[in-house]
Protein backbone atom coordinates (compact mmCIF):
# COMPACT_ATOMS: atom_id res chain seq x y z
CA UNK A 1 11.62 33.91 49.76
CA UNK A 2 11.60 36.04 52.89
CA UNK A 3 7.92 35.33 53.50
CA UNK A 4 8.57 31.60 53.13
CA UNK A 5 11.40 31.77 55.70
CA UNK A 6 9.13 33.62 58.16
CA UNK A 7 6.55 30.84 57.73
CA UNK A 8 9.20 28.17 58.35
CA UNK A 9 10.37 29.96 61.49
CA UNK A 10 6.80 30.12 62.76
CA UNK A 11 6.14 26.48 61.80
CA UNK A 12 9.08 25.23 63.89
CA UNK A 13 7.82 27.21 66.91
CA UNK A 14 10.01 30.30 66.65
CA UNK A 15 9.00 33.92 66.75
CA UNK A 16 10.21 35.61 63.52
CA UNK A 17 10.11 38.94 65.39
CA UNK A 18 12.56 37.76 68.06
CA UNK A 19 15.65 39.99 68.04
CA UNK A 20 18.05 37.33 66.72
CA UNK A 21 15.65 36.29 63.94
CA UNK A 22 14.33 39.62 62.66
CA UNK A 23 16.81 39.77 59.74
CA UNK A 24 17.06 36.01 59.24
CA UNK A 25 14.57 35.93 56.33
CA UNK A 26 16.65 38.53 54.47
CA UNK A 27 19.91 36.69 55.21
CA UNK A 28 18.47 33.33 54.11
CA UNK A 29 17.17 34.87 50.88
CA UNK A 30 20.64 36.28 50.12
CA UNK A 31 22.28 32.96 51.00
CA UNK A 32 20.00 30.99 48.65
CA UNK A 33 20.56 33.57 45.94
CA UNK A 34 24.30 32.82 46.19
CA UNK A 35 23.98 29.05 46.72
CA UNK A 36 21.68 28.66 43.72
CA UNK A 37 23.42 31.10 41.36
CA UNK A 38 23.93 28.33 38.79
CA UNK A 39 20.40 28.82 37.52
CA UNK A 40 21.30 32.35 36.44
CA UNK A 41 24.75 31.63 34.96
CA UNK A 42 25.04 31.90 31.18
CA UNK A 43 27.29 29.07 29.93
CA UNK A 44 28.43 31.12 26.92
CA UNK A 45 29.37 34.08 29.11
CA UNK A 46 31.08 31.67 31.49
CA UNK A 47 33.41 30.42 28.74
CA UNK A 48 33.96 34.01 27.56
CA UNK A 49 36.02 33.12 24.50
CA UNK A 50 38.53 30.99 26.44
CA UNK A 51 38.40 28.19 23.87
CA UNK A 52 41.67 27.98 21.94
CA UNK A 53 42.80 26.10 18.83
CA UNK A 54 45.78 23.97 19.81
CA UNK A 55 47.48 20.79 18.65
CA UNK A 56 47.99 19.48 22.20
CA UNK A 57 46.51 15.98 22.25
CA UNK A 58 47.43 14.49 25.64
CA UNK A 59 45.20 14.28 28.68
CA UNK A 60 44.29 17.51 30.50
CA UNK A 61 43.30 16.99 34.14
CA UNK A 62 42.03 19.50 36.67
CA UNK A 63 41.66 17.74 40.00
CA UNK A 64 40.52 18.55 43.50
CA UNK A 65 38.03 21.22 42.41
CA UNK A 66 36.18 22.09 45.60
CA UNK A 67 32.44 22.59 45.28
CA UNK A 68 29.29 22.79 47.32
CA UNK A 69 25.76 22.08 46.26
CA UNK A 70 22.32 21.58 47.76
CA UNK A 71 20.60 18.20 47.71
CA UNK A 72 17.31 18.60 45.87
CA UNK A 73 15.60 16.12 48.20
CA UNK A 74 16.30 17.86 51.53
CA UNK A 75 17.89 21.18 50.51
CA UNK A 76 20.88 20.33 52.70
CA UNK A 77 24.45 20.82 51.48
CA UNK A 78 26.71 18.28 49.90
CA UNK A 79 30.34 19.27 49.69
CA UNK A 80 33.19 17.68 47.84
CA UNK A 81 35.76 17.66 45.07
CA UNK A 82 35.45 17.12 41.37
CA UNK A 83 38.17 15.73 39.14
CA UNK A 84 37.77 16.56 35.45
CA UNK A 85 39.79 15.44 32.43
CA UNK A 86 39.53 15.67 28.69
CA UNK A 87 41.51 14.52 25.67
CA UNK A 88 41.74 17.53 23.32
CA UNK A 89 40.83 17.24 19.67
CA UNK A 90 42.25 20.50 18.31
CA UNK A 91 40.87 22.78 21.05
CA UNK A 92 41.76 23.45 24.68
CA UNK A 93 39.83 25.34 27.32
CA UNK A 94 41.26 28.04 29.60
CA UNK A 95 42.23 26.53 32.95
CA UNK A 96 39.89 28.62 35.12
CA UNK A 97 36.87 27.61 33.05
CA UNK A 98 36.72 24.00 34.24
CA UNK A 99 36.16 24.92 37.93
CA UNK A 100 33.61 27.48 36.73
CA UNK A 101 31.77 24.74 34.80
CA UNK A 102 31.70 22.65 37.98
CA UNK A 103 30.21 25.63 39.86
CA UNK A 104 27.65 26.23 37.09
CA UNK A 105 26.09 22.83 37.77
CA UNK A 106 26.85 22.58 41.50
CA UNK A 107 25.08 25.82 42.37
CA UNK A 108 21.66 24.37 41.72
CA UNK A 109 19.38 21.99 43.55
CA UNK A 110 21.06 18.74 42.57
CA UNK A 111 21.68 15.07 42.95
CA UNK A 112 25.34 14.17 42.64
CA UNK A 113 24.77 11.64 39.86
CA UNK A 114 23.08 14.18 37.58
CA UNK A 115 25.61 16.90 38.35
CA UNK A 116 28.49 14.58 37.40
CA UNK A 117 26.87 13.78 34.06
CA UNK A 118 25.94 17.42 33.35
CA UNK A 119 29.58 18.50 33.75
CA UNK A 120 30.78 15.74 31.41
CA UNK A 121 28.08 16.35 28.80
CA UNK A 122 28.64 20.12 28.79
CA UNK A 123 32.41 19.78 28.26
CA UNK A 124 31.90 17.08 25.64
CA UNK A 125 29.52 19.29 23.68
CA UNK A 126 31.67 22.42 24.05
CA UNK A 127 35.08 20.93 23.24
CA UNK A 128 34.19 18.00 20.97
CA UNK A 129 37.21 16.21 22.52
CA UNK A 130 38.32 12.63 22.07
CA UNK A 131 37.00 11.98 25.56
CA UNK A 132 35.84 13.48 28.87
CA UNK A 133 36.03 12.02 32.38
CA UNK A 134 34.48 13.39 35.56
CA UNK A 135 34.73 11.87 39.03
CA UNK A 136 32.95 13.58 41.93
CA UNK A 137 33.47 12.69 45.60
CA UNK A 138 31.22 14.28 48.21
CA UNK A 139 29.98 14.27 51.77
CA UNK A 140 26.21 14.65 52.01
CA UNK A 141 24.83 16.38 55.07
CA UNK A 142 21.41 14.83 54.44
CA UNK A 143 22.86 11.38 55.23
CA UNK A 144 25.20 12.67 57.95
CA UNK A 145 22.72 14.75 59.99
CA UNK A 146 19.47 12.86 59.44
CA UNK A 147 18.30 9.52 58.12
CA UNK A 148 21.14 6.96 58.37
CA UNK A 149 23.44 9.41 60.23
CA UNK A 150 26.66 8.03 58.74
CA UNK A 151 29.19 10.78 59.37
CA UNK A 152 32.12 9.46 57.35
CA UNK A 153 30.34 7.99 54.33
CA UNK A 154 31.24 9.51 50.98
CA UNK A 155 29.60 9.17 47.62
CA UNK A 156 31.66 8.80 44.45
CA UNK A 157 30.15 9.17 40.99
CA UNK A 158 31.75 9.12 37.57
CA UNK A 159 30.96 9.87 33.95
CA UNK A 160 33.30 8.55 31.27
CA UNK A 161 32.80 9.55 27.64
CA UNK A 162 34.72 8.75 24.44
CA UNK A 163 38.29 7.55 24.99
CA UNK A 164 37.77 7.34 28.77
CA UNK A 165 34.88 4.95 28.26
CA UNK A 166 36.30 2.94 25.36
CA UNK A 167 40.00 2.73 26.22
CA UNK A 168 40.87 1.06 29.53
CA UNK A 169 44.45 2.42 29.49
CA UNK A 170 43.17 6.00 29.14
CA UNK A 171 40.64 5.46 31.92
CA UNK A 172 43.30 3.96 34.20
CA UNK A 173 45.74 6.82 33.53
CA UNK A 174 43.06 9.28 34.67
CA UNK A 175 42.05 7.25 37.71
CA UNK A 176 45.69 6.72 38.72
CA UNK A 177 46.33 10.47 38.47
CA UNK A 178 43.39 11.44 40.65
CA UNK A 179 43.99 8.71 43.23
CA UNK A 180 47.60 9.82 43.65
CA UNK A 181 46.73 13.41 44.36
CA UNK A 182 43.32 13.44 45.98
CA UNK A 183 43.22 15.37 49.19
CA UNK A 184 41.01 14.17 52.02
CA UNK A 185 37.67 15.91 52.49
CA UNK A 186 37.34 17.79 55.78
CA UNK A 187 34.88 20.18 57.28
């Protein structure tokens, strides 16, 4: 990684030996190690036994989960919030695990559409609930800084499974809940 960063610095006309850049390859390597940690996360260890038998059968929503990811097309950040819900079917998941699941998939080279579906599919497989819903809203630096240069444009993606897909009232309850509480995205 460090050699690749030195080559990039040289390719853009910089001197990798310049005082301010001498440790940049090391810092970039550490940054990418952190930003892309999702490749090394073990989903089973992530859940760590926090799956509990319970008769609760109403909607569980965790909203405004902040995340950051890297666009796989330009390796520039996209930053946003995920809203996740499920309808339990005899099992509930520890509260802290849902944001960790979001991070598991966000901390990879991604496209927002795939990440949204991966979160939903993972929770659906793990919990076997009556339904799962995921809505992701994000600002993409690749479209803000280059290309179309649209600073305020946001992308919203959703994945609706089970009751959230098949029952309009369930879907609307979820969407009403997240629209009421969503906080604006700011840098």
